[in-house]
Amino acid sequence: LDLVEKRKSYGTMVCPACKHAWFHRGCIQNQAMHVGFSCFQ
């Protein structure tokens, strides 16, 4: 819930499907480590 940069960058990423979900690289990496391959979305 912290602000993201005003564009895509190494540290700021967007969902390729909906194009509305923005997140930090570190945040989505932590999410991936917690949920694993079968539940990652």
PDB file of all heavy atoms in Angstrom:
ATOM      1  N   LEU A   1       0.801  -1.232   0.000  1.00  0.00           N
ATOM      2  CA  LEU A   1       0.000   0.000   0.000  1.00  0.00           C
ATOM      3  C   LEU A   1       0.833   1.282   0.000  1.00  0.00           C
ATOM      4  O   LEU A   1       0.300   2.365   0.226  1.00  0.00           O
ATOM      5  CB  LEU A   1      -1.007   0.009   1.157  1.00  0.00           C
ATOM      6  CG  LEU A   1      -1.984  -1.171   1.169  1.00  0.00           C
ATOM      7  CD1 LEU A   1      -2.909  -1.079   2.357  1.00  0.00           C
ATOM      8  CD2 LEU A   1      -2.768  -1.236  -0.127  1.00  0.00           C
ATOM      9  N   ASP A   2       2.139   1.191  -0.273  1.00  0.00           N
ATOM     10  CA  ASP A   2       2.973   2.376  -0.463  1.00  0.00           C
ATOM     11  C   ASP A   2       2.866   2.810  -1.924  1.00  0.00           C
ATOM     12  O   ASP A   2       2.544   2.008  -2.801  1.00  0.00           O
ATOM     13  CB  ASP A   2       4.433   2.081  -0.131  1.00  0.00           C
ATOM     14  CG  ASP A   2       4.684   1.994   1.361  1.00  0.00           C
ATOM     15  OD1 ASP A   2       3.843   2.486   2.140  1.00  0.00           O
ATOM     16  OD2 ASP A   2       5.730   1.420   1.754  1.00  0.00           O
ATOM     17  N   LEU A   3       3.167   4.056  -2.195  1.00  0.00           N
ATOM     18  CA  LEU A   3       3.110   4.567  -3.569  1.00  0.00           C
ATOM     19  C   LEU A   3       4.127   3.852  -4.453  1.00  0.00           C
ATOM     20  O   LEU A   3       5.210   3.493  -4.002  1.00  0.00           O
ATOM     21  CB  LEU A   3       3.392   6.062  -3.582  1.00  0.00           C
ATOM     22  CG  LEU A   3       2.326   6.971  -2.975  1.00  0.00           C
ATOM     23  CD1 LEU A   3       2.812   8.413  -2.948  1.00  0.00           C
ATOM     24  CD2 LEU A   3       1.022   6.866  -3.729  1.00  0.00           C
ATOM     25  N   VAL A   4       3.766   3.652  -5.718  1.00  0.00           N
ATOM     26  CA  VAL A   4       4.692   3.106  -6.711  1.00  0.00           C
ATOM     27  C   VAL A   4       5.198   4.255  -7.576  1.00  0.00           C
ATOM     28  O   VAL A   4       4.630   5.340  -7.575  1.00  0.00           O
ATOM     29  CB  VAL A   4       4.038   2.017  -7.592  1.00  0.00           C
ATOM     30  CG1 VAL A   4       3.641   0.816  -6.766  1.00  0.00           C
ATOM     31  CG2 VAL A   4       2.852   2.556  -8.359  1.00  0.00           C
ATOM     32  N   GLU A   5       6.258   3.989  -8.335  1.00  0.00           N
ATOM     33  CA  GLU A   5       6.774   5.003  -9.257  1.00  0.00           C
ATOM     34  C   GLU A   5       5.713   5.345 -10.297  1.00  0.00           C
ATOM     35  O   GLU A   5       4.739   4.624 -10.461  1.00  0.00           O
ATOM     36  CB  GLU A   5       8.027   4.481  -9.960  1.00  0.00           C
ATOM     37  CG  GLU A   5       9.222   4.326  -9.056  1.00  0.00           C
ATOM     38  CD  GLU A   5      10.424   3.805  -9.820  1.00  0.00           C
ATOM     39  OE1 GLU A   5      10.687   4.287 -10.935  1.00  0.00           O
ATOM     40  OE2 GLU A   5      11.087   2.897  -9.294  1.00  0.00           O
ATOM     41  N   LYS A   6       5.934   6.383 -11.033  1.00  0.00           N
ATOM     42  CA  LYS A   6       4.951   6.832 -12.021  1.00  0.00           C
ATOM     43  C   LYS A   6       5.085   6.125 -13.361  1.00  0.00           C
ATOM     44  O   LYS A   6       4.494   6.531 -14.346  1.00  0.00           O
ATOM     45  CB  LYS A   6       5.078   8.340 -12.212  1.00  0.00           C
ATOM     46  CG  LYS A   6       4.767   9.091 -10.943  1.00  0.00           C
ATOM     47  CD  LYS A   6       4.878  10.570 -11.120  1.00  0.00           C
ATOM     48  CE  LYS A   6       4.723  11.180  -9.760  1.00  0.00           C
ATOM     49  NZ  LYS A   6       4.039  12.357  -9.652  1.00  0.00           N
ATOM     50  N   ARG A   7       5.877   5.029 -13.388  1.00  0.00           N
ATOM     51  CA  ARG A   7       6.077   4.279 -14.626  1.00  0.00           C
ATOM     52  C   ARG A   7       6.576   2.887 -14.280  1.00  0.00           C
ATOM     53  O   ARG A   7       6.972   2.620 -13.158  1.00  0.00           O
ATOM     54  CB  ARG A   7       7.088   4.980 -15.520  1.00  0.00           C
ATOM     55  CG  ARG A   7       8.448   5.122 -14.845  1.00  0.00           C
ATOM     56  CD  ARG A   7       9.455   5.805 -15.742  1.00  0.00           C
ATOM     57  NE  ARG A   7      10.700   6.007 -15.043  1.00  0.00           N
ATOM     58  CZ  ARG A   7      11.638   5.094 -14.878  1.00  0.00           C
ATOM     59  NH1 ARG A   7      11.473   3.894 -15.383  1.00  0.00           N
ATOM     60  NH2 ARG A   7      12.750   5.351 -14.226  1.00  0.00           N
ATOM     61  N   LYS A   8       6.567   1.998 -15.283  1.00  0.00           N
ATOM     62  CA  LYS A   8       7.186   0.691 -15.104  1.00  0.00           C
ATOM     63  C   LYS A   8       8.683   0.903 -14.949  1.00  0.00           C
ATOM     64  O   LYS A   8       9.260   1.768 -15.605  1.00  0.00           O
ATOM     65  CB  LYS A   8       6.959  -0.201 -16.318  1.00  0.00           C
ATOM     66  CG  LYS A   8       5.556  -0.666 -16.520  1.00  0.00           C
ATOM     67  CD  LYS A   8       5.463  -1.540 -17.756  1.00  0.00           C
ATOM     68  CE  LYS A   8       5.981  -0.772 -18.944  1.00  0.00           C
ATOM     69  NZ  LYS A   8       5.888  -1.425 -20.216  1.00  0.00           N
ATOM     70  N   SER A   9       9.302   0.121 -14.114  1.00  0.00           N
ATOM     71  CA  SER A   9      10.744   0.197 -13.935  1.00  0.00           C
ATOM     72  C   SER A   9      11.216  -1.129 -13.372  1.00  0.00           C
ATOM     73  O   SER A   9      10.414  -2.049 -13.203  1.00  0.00           O
ATOM     74  CB  SER A   9      11.102   1.340 -12.982  1.00  0.00           C
ATOM     75  OG  SER A   9      10.658   1.044 -11.672  1.00  0.00           O
ATOM     76  N   TYR A  10      12.478  -1.210 -13.045  1.00  0.00           N
ATOM     77  CA  TYR A  10      12.987  -2.434 -12.437  1.00  0.00           C
ATOM     78  C   TYR A  10      12.269  -2.698 -11.113  1.00  0.00           C
ATOM     79  O   TYR A  10      11.915  -3.821 -10.803  1.00  0.00           O
ATOM     80  CB  TYR A  10      14.497  -2.317 -12.199  1.00  0.00           C
ATOM     81  CG  TYR A  10      15.084  -3.534 -11.548  1.00  0.00           C
ATOM     82  CD1 TYR A  10      15.266  -4.712 -12.274  1.00  0.00           C
ATOM     83  CD2 TYR A  10      15.455  -3.521 -10.212  1.00  0.00           C
ATOM     84  CE1 TYR A  10      15.789  -5.841 -11.676  1.00  0.00           C
ATOM     85  CE2 TYR A  10      15.993  -4.650  -9.606  1.00  0.00           C
ATOM     86  CZ  TYR A  10      16.167  -5.801 -10.345  1.00  0.00           C
ATOM     87  OH  TYR A  10      16.680  -6.925  -9.750  1.00  0.00           O
ATOM     88  N   GLY A  11      12.004  -1.671 -10.348  1.00  0.00           N
ATOM     89  CA  GLY A  11      11.385  -1.819  -9.036  1.00  0.00           C
ATOM     90  C   GLY A  11       9.878  -1.765  -9.020  1.00  0.00           C
ATOM     91  O   GLY A  11       9.256  -2.086  -8.014  1.00  0.00           O
ATOM     92  N   THR A  12       9.251  -1.339 -10.114  1.00  0.00           N
ATOM     93  CA  THR A  12       7.796  -1.213 -10.191  1.00  0.00           C
ATOM     94  C   THR A  12       7.288  -2.057 -11.348  1.00  0.00           C
ATOM     95  O   THR A  12       7.738  -1.897 -12.479  1.00  0.00           O
ATOM     96  CB  THR A  12       7.380   0.258 -10.397  1.00  0.00           C
ATOM     97  OG1 THR A  12       7.867   1.021  -9.299  1.00  0.00           O
ATOM     98  CG2 THR A  12       5.886   0.398 -10.480  1.00  0.00           C
ATOM     99  N   MET A  13       6.338  -2.947 -11.059  1.00  0.00           N
ATOM    100  CA  MET A  13       5.827  -3.864 -12.067  1.00  0.00           C
ATOM    101  C   MET A  13       4.309  -3.785 -12.137  1.00  0.00           C
ATOM    102  O   MET A  13       3.665  -3.300 -11.210  1.00  0.00           O
ATOM    103  CB  MET A  13       6.273  -5.279 -11.730  1.00  0.00           C
ATOM    104  CG  MET A  13       7.785  -5.394 -11.594  1.00  0.00           C
ATOM    105  SD  MET A  13       8.313  -6.965 -10.913  1.00  0.00           S
ATOM    106  CE  MET A  13       8.243  -7.946 -12.388  1.00  0.00           C
ATOM    107  N   VAL A  14       3.765  -4.274 -13.260  1.00  0.00           N
ATOM    108  CA  VAL A  14       2.325  -4.251 -13.475  1.00  0.00           C
ATOM    109  C   VAL A  14       1.862  -5.624 -13.965  1.00  0.00           C
ATOM    110  O   VAL A  14       2.623  -6.341 -14.613  1.00  0.00           O
ATOM    111  CB  VAL A  14       1.930  -3.146 -14.491  1.00  0.00           C
ATOM    112  CG1 VAL A  14       2.543  -3.405 -15.852  1.00  0.00           C
ATOM    113  CG2 VAL A  14       0.434  -2.978 -14.583  1.00  0.00           C
ATOM    114  N   CYS A  15       0.634  -5.974 -13.639  1.00  0.00           N
ATOM    115  CA  CYS A  15       0.063  -7.232 -14.134  1.00  0.00           C
ATOM    116  C   CYS A  15      -0.161  -7.118 -15.638  1.00  0.00           C
ATOM    117  O   CYS A  15      -0.790  -6.164 -16.099  1.00  0.00           O
ATOM    118  CB  CYS A  15      -1.261  -7.526 -13.430  1.00  0.00           C
ATOM    119  SG  CYS A  15      -2.130  -8.951 -14.121  1.00  0.00           S
ATOM    120  N   PRO A  16       0.322  -8.075 -16.444  1.00  0.00           N
ATOM    121  CA  PRO A  16       0.132  -8.012 -17.890  1.00  0.00           C
ATOM    122  C   PRO A  16      -1.298  -8.310 -18.316  1.00  0.00           C
ATOM    123  O   PRO A  16      -1.689  -7.983 -19.431  1.00  0.00           O
ATOM    124  CB  PRO A  16       1.088  -9.082 -18.414  1.00  0.00           C
ATOM    125  CG  PRO A  16       1.169 -10.061 -17.308  1.00  0.00           C
ATOM    126  CD  PRO A  16       1.083  -9.255 -16.039  1.00  0.00           C
ATOM    127  N   ALA A  17      -2.090  -8.913 -17.455  1.00  0.00           N
ATOM    128  CA  ALA A  17      -3.460  -9.277 -17.807  1.00  0.00           C
ATOM    129  C   ALA A  17      -4.428  -8.119 -17.588  1.00  0.00           C
ATOM    130  O   ALA A  17      -5.114  -7.690 -18.512  1.00  0.00           O
ATOM    131  CB  ALA A  17      -3.906 -10.498 -17.013  1.00  0.00           C
ATOM    132  N   CYS A  18      -4.479  -7.597 -16.373  1.00  0.00           N
ATOM    133  CA  CYS A  18      -5.463  -6.542 -16.086  1.00  0.00           C
ATOM    134  C   CYS A  18      -4.897  -5.135 -16.254  1.00  0.00           C
ATOM    135  O   CYS A  18      -5.655  -4.191 -16.421  1.00  0.00           O
ATOM    136  CB  CYS A  18      -6.030  -6.714 -14.678  1.00  0.00           C
ATOM    137  SG  CYS A  18      -4.860  -6.399 -13.337  1.00  0.00           S
ATOM    138  N   LYS A  19      -3.590  -4.972 -16.185  1.00  0.00           N
ATOM    139  CA  LYS A  19      -2.910  -3.679 -16.337  1.00  0.00           C
ATOM    140  C   LYS A  19      -3.321  -2.655 -15.277  1.00  0.00           C
ATOM    141  O   LYS A  19      -3.084  -1.476 -15.422  1.00  0.00           O
ATOM    142  CB  LYS A  19      -3.123  -3.106 -17.739  1.00  0.00           C
ATOM    143  CG  LYS A  19      -2.619  -4.017 -18.817  1.00  0.00           C
ATOM    144  CD  LYS A  19      -2.918  -3.490 -20.187  1.00  0.00           C
ATOM    145  CE  LYS A  19      -2.500  -4.521 -21.205  1.00  0.00           C
ATOM    146  NZ  LYS A  19      -3.248  -4.500 -22.393  1.00  0.00           N
ATOM    147  N   HIS A  20      -3.964  -3.120 -14.204  1.00  0.00           N
ATOM    148  CA  HIS A  20      -4.374  -2.223 -13.120  1.00  0.00           C
ATOM    149  C   HIS A  20      -3.664  -2.548 -11.817  1.00  0.00           C
ATOM    150  O   HIS A  20      -3.705  -1.750 -10.889  1.00  0.00           O
ATOM    151  CB  HIS A  20      -5.884  -2.303 -12.901  1.00  0.00           C
ATOM    152  CG  HIS A  20      -6.669  -1.806 -14.053  1.00  0.00           C
ATOM    153  ND1 HIS A  20      -6.661  -0.495 -14.471  1.00  0.00           N
ATOM    154  CD2 HIS A  20      -7.492  -2.450 -14.914  1.00  0.00           C
ATOM    155  CE1 HIS A  20      -7.432  -0.357 -15.530  1.00  0.00           C
ATOM    156  NE2 HIS A  20      -7.956  -1.530 -15.825  1.00  0.00           N
ATOM    157  N   ALA A  21      -3.056  -3.715 -11.726  1.00  0.00           N
ATOM    158  CA  ALA A  21      -2.385  -4.130 -10.505  1.00  0.00           C
ATOM    159  C   ALA A  21      -0.920  -3.709 -10.565  1.00  0.00           C
ATOM    160  O   ALA A  21      -0.158  -4.214 -11.382  1.00  0.00           O
ATOM    161  CB  ALA A  21      -2.499  -5.639 -10.330  1.00  0.00           C
ATOM    162  N   TRP A  22      -0.541  -2.779  -9.726  1.00  0.00           N
ATOM    163  CA  TRP A  22       0.832  -2.293  -9.655  1.00  0.00           C
ATOM    164  C   TRP A  22       1.433  -2.736  -8.336  1.00  0.00           C
ATOM    165  O   TRP A  22       0.750  -2.770  -7.308  1.00  0.00           O
ATOM    166  CB  TRP A  22       0.861  -0.771  -9.769  1.00  0.00           C
ATOM    167  CG  TRP A  22       0.514  -0.314 -11.140  1.00  0.00           C
ATOM    168  CD1 TRP A  22      -0.733  -0.088 -11.629  1.00  0.00           C
ATOM    169  CD2 TRP A  22       1.417  -0.066 -12.205  1.00  0.00           C
ATOM    170  NE1 TRP A  22      -0.666   0.290 -12.949  1.00  0.00           N
ATOM    171  CE2 TRP A  22       0.647   0.324 -13.325  1.00  0.00           C
ATOM    172  CE3 TRP A  22       2.811  -0.124 -12.324  1.00  0.00           C
ATOM    173  CZ2 TRP A  22       1.225   0.650 -14.547  1.00  0.00           C
ATOM    174  CZ3 TRP A  22       3.375   0.212 -13.535  1.00  0.00           C
ATOM    175  CH2 TRP A  22       2.589   0.587 -14.639  1.00  0.00           C
ATOM    176  N   PHE A  23       2.711  -3.070  -8.352  1.00  0.00           N
ATOM    177  CA  PHE A  23       3.368  -3.503  -7.143  1.00  0.00           C
ATOM    178  C   PHE A  23       4.869  -3.332  -7.272  1.00  0.00           C
ATOM    179  O   PHE A  23       5.411  -3.163  -8.364  1.00  0.00           O
ATOM    180  CB  PHE A  23       3.032  -4.967  -6.813  1.00  0.00           C
ATOM    181  CG  PHE A  23       2.868  -5.832  -8.019  1.00  0.00           C
ATOM    182  CD1 PHE A  23       3.964  -6.366  -8.649  1.00  0.00           C
ATOM    183  CD2 PHE A  23       1.614  -6.079  -8.541  1.00  0.00           C
ATOM    184  CE1 PHE A  23       3.827  -7.142  -9.775  1.00  0.00           C
ATOM    185  CE2 PHE A  23       1.459  -6.848  -9.683  1.00  0.00           C
ATOM    186  CZ  PHE A  23       2.564  -7.378 -10.294  1.00  0.00           C
ATOM    187  N   HIS A  24       5.538  -3.353  -6.133  1.00  0.00           N
ATOM    188  CA  HIS A  24       6.991  -3.285  -6.089  1.00  0.00           C
ATOM    189  C   HIS A  24       7.570  -4.672  -6.345  1.00  0.00           C
ATOM    190  O   HIS A  24       6.967  -5.670  -5.957  1.00  0.00           O
ATOM    191  CB  HIS A  24       7.464  -2.793  -4.707  1.00  0.00           C
ATOM    192  CG  HIS A  24       6.946  -1.448  -4.352  1.00  0.00           C
ATOM    193  ND1 HIS A  24       5.983  -1.270  -3.389  1.00  0.00           N
ATOM    194  CD2 HIS A  24       7.240  -0.227  -4.846  1.00  0.00           C
ATOM    195  CE1 HIS A  24       5.716   0.013  -3.279  1.00  0.00           C
ATOM    196  NE2 HIS A  24       6.453   0.665  -4.157  1.00  0.00           N
ATOM    197  N   ARG A  25       8.732  -4.717  -6.975  1.00  0.00           N
ATOM    198  CA  ARG A  25       9.406  -5.987  -7.247  1.00  0.00           C
ATOM    199  C   ARG A  25       9.606  -6.773  -5.954  1.00  0.00           C
ATOM    200  O   ARG A  25       9.318  -7.972  -5.890  1.00  0.00           O
ATOM    201  CB  ARG A  25      10.760  -5.745  -7.925  1.00  0.00           C
ATOM    202  CG  ARG A  25      11.579  -7.015  -8.121  1.00  0.00           C
ATOM    203  CD  ARG A  25      12.894  -6.710  -8.822  1.00  0.00           C
ATOM    204  NE  ARG A  25      12.655  -6.406 -10.207  1.00  0.00           N
ATOM    205  CZ  ARG A  25      12.578  -7.319 -11.190  1.00  0.00           C
ATOM    206  NH1 ARG A  25      12.725  -8.596 -10.913  1.00  0.00           N
ATOM    207  NH2 ARG A  25      12.368  -6.957 -12.427  1.00  0.00           N
ATOM    208  N   GLY A  26      10.069  -6.128  -4.910  1.00  0.00           N
ATOM    209  CA  GLY A  26      10.294  -6.809  -3.637  1.00  0.00           C
ATOM    210  C   GLY A  26       9.013  -7.356  -3.032  1.00  0.00           C
ATOM    211  O   GLY A  26       9.007  -8.446  -2.451  1.00  0.00           O
ATOM    212  N   CYS A  27       7.918  -6.626  -3.164  1.00  0.00           N
ATOM    213  CA  CYS A  27       6.637  -7.079  -2.612  1.00  0.00           C
ATOM    214  C   CYS A  27       6.125  -8.319  -3.335  1.00  0.00           C
ATOM    215  O   CYS A  27       5.671  -9.271  -2.696  1.00  0.00           O
ATOM    216  CB  CYS A  27       5.603  -5.960  -2.694  1.00  0.00           C
ATOM    217  SG  CYS A  27       5.968  -4.549  -1.635  1.00  0.00           S
ATOM    218  N   ILE A  28       6.200  -8.320  -4.676  1.00  0.00           N
ATOM    219  CA  ILE A  28       5.683  -9.470  -5.416  1.00  0.00           C
ATOM    220  C   ILE A  28       6.621 -10.670  -5.245  1.00  0.00           C
ATOM    221  O   ILE A  28       6.176 -11.817  -5.237  1.00  0.00           O
ATOM    222  CB  ILE A  28       5.404  -9.131  -6.910  1.00  0.00           C
ATOM    223  CG1 ILE A  28       4.379 -10.105  -7.488  1.00  0.00           C
ATOM    224  CG2 ILE A  28       6.661  -9.091  -7.722  1.00  0.00           C
ATOM    225  CD1 ILE A  28       3.016 -10.027  -6.887  1.00  0.00           C
ATOM    226  N   GLN A  29       7.924 -10.404  -5.042  1.00  0.00           N
ATOM    227  CA  GLN A  29       8.852 -11.497  -4.767  1.00  0.00           C
ATOM    228  C   GLN A  29       8.522 -12.147  -3.428  1.00  0.00           C
ATOM    229  O   GLN A  29       8.500 -13.374  -3.316  1.00  0.00           O
ATOM    230  CB  GLN A  29      10.301 -11.002  -4.766  1.00  0.00           C
ATOM    231  CG  GLN A  29      11.318 -12.085  -4.466  1.00  0.00           C
ATOM    232  CD  GLN A  29      11.294 -13.207  -5.480  1.00  0.00           C
ATOM    233  OE1 GLN A  29      11.786 -13.059  -6.586  1.00  0.00           O
ATOM    234  NE2 GLN A  29      10.720 -14.348  -5.127  1.00  0.00           N
ATOM    235  N   ASN A  30       8.235 -11.353  -2.412  1.00  0.00           N
ATOM    236  CA  ASN A  30       7.850 -11.902  -1.109  1.00  0.00           C
ATOM    237  C   ASN A  30       6.559 -12.699  -1.214  1.00  0.00           C
ATOM    238  O   ASN A  30       6.432 -13.775  -0.624  1.00  0.00           O
ATOM    239  CB  ASN A  30       7.693 -10.792  -0.074  1.00  0.00           C
ATOM    240  CG  ASN A  30       9.020 -10.249   0.381  1.00  0.00           C
ATOM    241  OD1 ASN A  30      10.053 -10.896   0.252  1.00  0.00           O
ATOM    242  ND2 ASN A  30       9.016  -9.040   0.913  1.00  0.00           N
ATOM    243  N   GLN A  31       5.604 -12.183  -1.978  1.00  0.00           N
ATOM    244  CA  GLN A  31       4.337 -12.896  -2.176  1.00  0.00           C
ATOM    245  C   GLN A  31       4.587 -14.255  -2.833  1.00  0.00           C
ATOM    246  O   GLN A  31       4.029 -15.263  -2.430  1.00  0.00           O
ATOM    247  CB  GLN A  31       3.389 -12.063  -3.031  1.00  0.00           C
ATOM    248  CG  GLN A  31       2.133 -12.796  -3.418  1.00  0.00           C
ATOM    249  CD  GLN A  31       0.896 -12.113  -2.926  1.00  0.00           C
ATOM    250  OE1 GLN A  31       0.946 -11.191  -2.136  1.00  0.00           O
ATOM    251  NE2 GLN A  31      -0.224 -12.559  -3.392  1.00  0.00           N
ATOM    252  N   ALA A  32       5.438 -14.264  -3.853  1.00  0.00           N
ATOM    253  CA  ALA A  32       5.745 -15.511  -4.555  1.00  0.00           C
ATOM    254  C   ALA A  32       6.396 -16.521  -3.617  1.00  0.00           C
ATOM    255  O   ALA A  32       6.072 -17.712  -3.664  1.00  0.00           O
ATOM    256  CB  ALA A  32       6.669 -15.231  -5.740  1.00  0.00           C
ATOM    257  N   MET A  33       7.283 -16.079  -2.763  1.00  0.00           N
ATOM    258  CA  MET A  33       7.951 -16.979  -1.826  1.00  0.00           C
ATOM    259  C   MET A  33       6.973 -17.557  -0.813  1.00  0.00           C
ATOM    260  O   MET A  33       7.118 -18.696  -0.386  1.00  0.00           O
ATOM    261  CB  MET A  33       9.086 -16.255  -1.100  1.00  0.00           C
ATOM    262  CG  MET A  33      10.215 -15.821  -2.024  1.00  0.00           C
ATOM    263  SD  MET A  33      10.932 -17.154  -3.003  1.00  0.00           S
ATOM    264  CE  MET A  33      11.895 -17.986  -1.765  1.00  0.00           C
ATOM    265  N   HIS A  34       5.968 -16.806  -0.443  1.00  0.00           N
ATOM    266  CA  HIS A  34       4.992 -17.267   0.540  1.00  0.00           C
ATOM    267  C   HIS A  34       3.955 -18.220  -0.044  1.00  0.00           C
ATOM    268  O   HIS A  34       3.595 -19.205   0.585  1.00  0.00           O
ATOM    269  CB  HIS A  34       4.271 -16.087   1.198  1.00  0.00           C
ATOM    270  CG  HIS A  34       5.132 -15.341   2.158  1.00  0.00           C
ATOM    271  ND1 HIS A  34       5.547 -15.858   3.360  1.00  0.00           N
ATOM    272  CD2 HIS A  34       5.681 -14.117   2.090  1.00  0.00           C
ATOM    273  CE1 HIS A  34       6.305 -14.991   3.987  1.00  0.00           C
ATOM    274  NE2 HIS A  34       6.406 -13.915   3.234  1.00  0.00           N
ATOM    275  N   VAL A  35       3.448 -17.938  -1.252  1.00  0.00           N
ATOM    276  CA  VAL A  35       2.349 -18.747  -1.785  1.00  0.00           C
ATOM    277  C   VAL A  35       2.820 -19.904  -2.659  1.00  0.00           C
ATOM    278  O   VAL A  35       2.123 -20.901  -2.788  1.00  0.00           O
ATOM    279  CB  VAL A  35       1.308 -17.895  -2.553  1.00  0.00           C
ATOM    280  CG1 VAL A  35       0.714 -16.843  -1.650  1.00  0.00           C
ATOM    281  CG2 VAL A  35       1.887 -17.285  -3.797  1.00  0.00           C
ATOM    282  N   GLY A  36       3.974 -19.793  -3.299  1.00  0.00           N
ATOM    283  CA  GLY A  36       4.480 -20.867  -4.143  1.00  0.00           C
ATOM    284  C   GLY A  36       3.840 -20.906  -5.520  1.00  0.00           C
ATOM    285  O   GLY A  36       2.906 -20.168  -5.830  1.00  0.00           O
ATOM    286  N   PHE A  37       4.348 -21.791  -6.344  1.00  0.00           N
ATOM    287  CA  PHE A  37       3.987 -21.896  -7.758  1.00  0.00           C
ATOM    288  C   PHE A  37       2.504 -22.172  -7.994  1.00  0.00           C
ATOM    289  O   PHE A  37       1.878 -21.565  -8.857  1.00  0.00           O
ATOM    290  CB  PHE A  37       4.836 -23.008  -8.394  1.00  0.00           C
ATOM    291  CG  PHE A  37       4.812 -23.024  -9.880  1.00  0.00           C
ATOM    292  CD1 PHE A  37       5.656 -22.212 -10.606  1.00  0.00           C
ATOM    293  CD2 PHE A  37       3.952 -23.868 -10.565  1.00  0.00           C
ATOM    294  CE1 PHE A  37       5.644 -22.232 -11.994  1.00  0.00           C
ATOM    295  CE2 PHE A  37       3.926 -23.895 -11.949  1.00  0.00           C
ATOM    296  CZ  PHE A  37       4.779 -23.068 -12.662  1.00  0.00           C
ATOM    297  N   SER A  38       1.921 -23.075  -7.249  1.00  0.00           N
ATOM    298  CA  SER A  38       0.545 -23.499  -7.521  1.00  0.00           C
ATOM    299  C   SER A  38      -0.506 -22.465  -7.125  1.00  0.00           C
ATOM    300  O   SER A  38      -1.635 -22.532  -7.611  1.00  0.00           O
ATOM    301  CB  SER A  38       0.249 -24.824  -6.829  1.00  0.00           C
ATOM    302  OG  SER A  38       0.344 -24.679  -5.434  1.00  0.00           O
ATOM    303  N   CYS A  39      -0.171 -21.508  -6.268  1.00  0.00           N
ATOM    304  CA  CYS A  39      -1.158 -20.512  -5.814  1.00  0.00           C
ATOM    305  C   CYS A  39      -0.818 -19.088  -6.239  1.00  0.00           C
ATOM    306  O   CYS A  39      -1.524 -18.147  -5.881  1.00  0.00           O
ATOM    307  CB  CYS A  39      -1.282 -20.557  -4.296  1.00  0.00           C
ATOM    308  SG  CYS A  39      -1.897 -22.124  -3.681  1.00  0.00           S
ATOM    309  N   PHE A  40       0.264 -18.891  -6.986  1.00  0.00           N
ATOM    310  CA  PHE A  40       0.707 -17.550  -7.360  1.00  0.00           C
ATOM    311  C   PHE A  40      -0.196 -16.981  -8.448  1.00  0.00           C
ATOM    312  O   PHE A  40      -0.411 -17.601  -9.479  1.00  0.00           O
ATOM    313  CB  PHE A  40       2.158 -17.602  -7.842  1.00  0.00           C
ATOM    314  CG  PHE A  40       2.795 -16.266  -8.014  1.00  0.00           C
ATOM    315  CD1 PHE A  40       2.919 -15.389  -6.958  1.00  0.00           C
ATOM    316  CD2 PHE A  40       3.296 -15.894  -9.248  1.00  0.00           C
ATOM    317  CE1 PHE A  40       3.529 -14.154  -7.125  1.00  0.00           C
ATOM    318  CE2 PHE A  40       3.913 -14.668  -9.422  1.00  0.00           C
ATOM    319  CZ  PHE A  40       4.028 -13.798  -8.355  1.00  0.00           C
ATOM    320  N   GLN A  41      -0.750 -15.809  -8.205  1.00  0.00           N
ATOM    321  CA  GLN A  41      -1.650 -15.157  -9.157  1.00  0.00           C
ATOM    322  C   GLN A  41      -1.625 -13.652  -8.930  1.00  0.00           C
ATOM    323  O   GLN A  41      -1.104 -13.177  -7.933  1.00  0.00           O
ATOM    324  CB  GLN A  41      -3.063 -15.687  -8.996  1.00  0.00           C
ATOM    325  CG  GLN A  41      -3.639 -15.446  -7.618  1.00  0.00           C
ATOM    326  CD  GLN A  41      -4.979 -16.138  -7.428  1.00  0.00           C
ATOM    327  OE1 GLN A  41      -5.445 -16.859  -8.295  1.00  0.00           O
ATOM    328  NE2 GLN A  41      -5.602 -15.916  -6.285  1.00  0.00           N
TER     329      GLN A  41
END
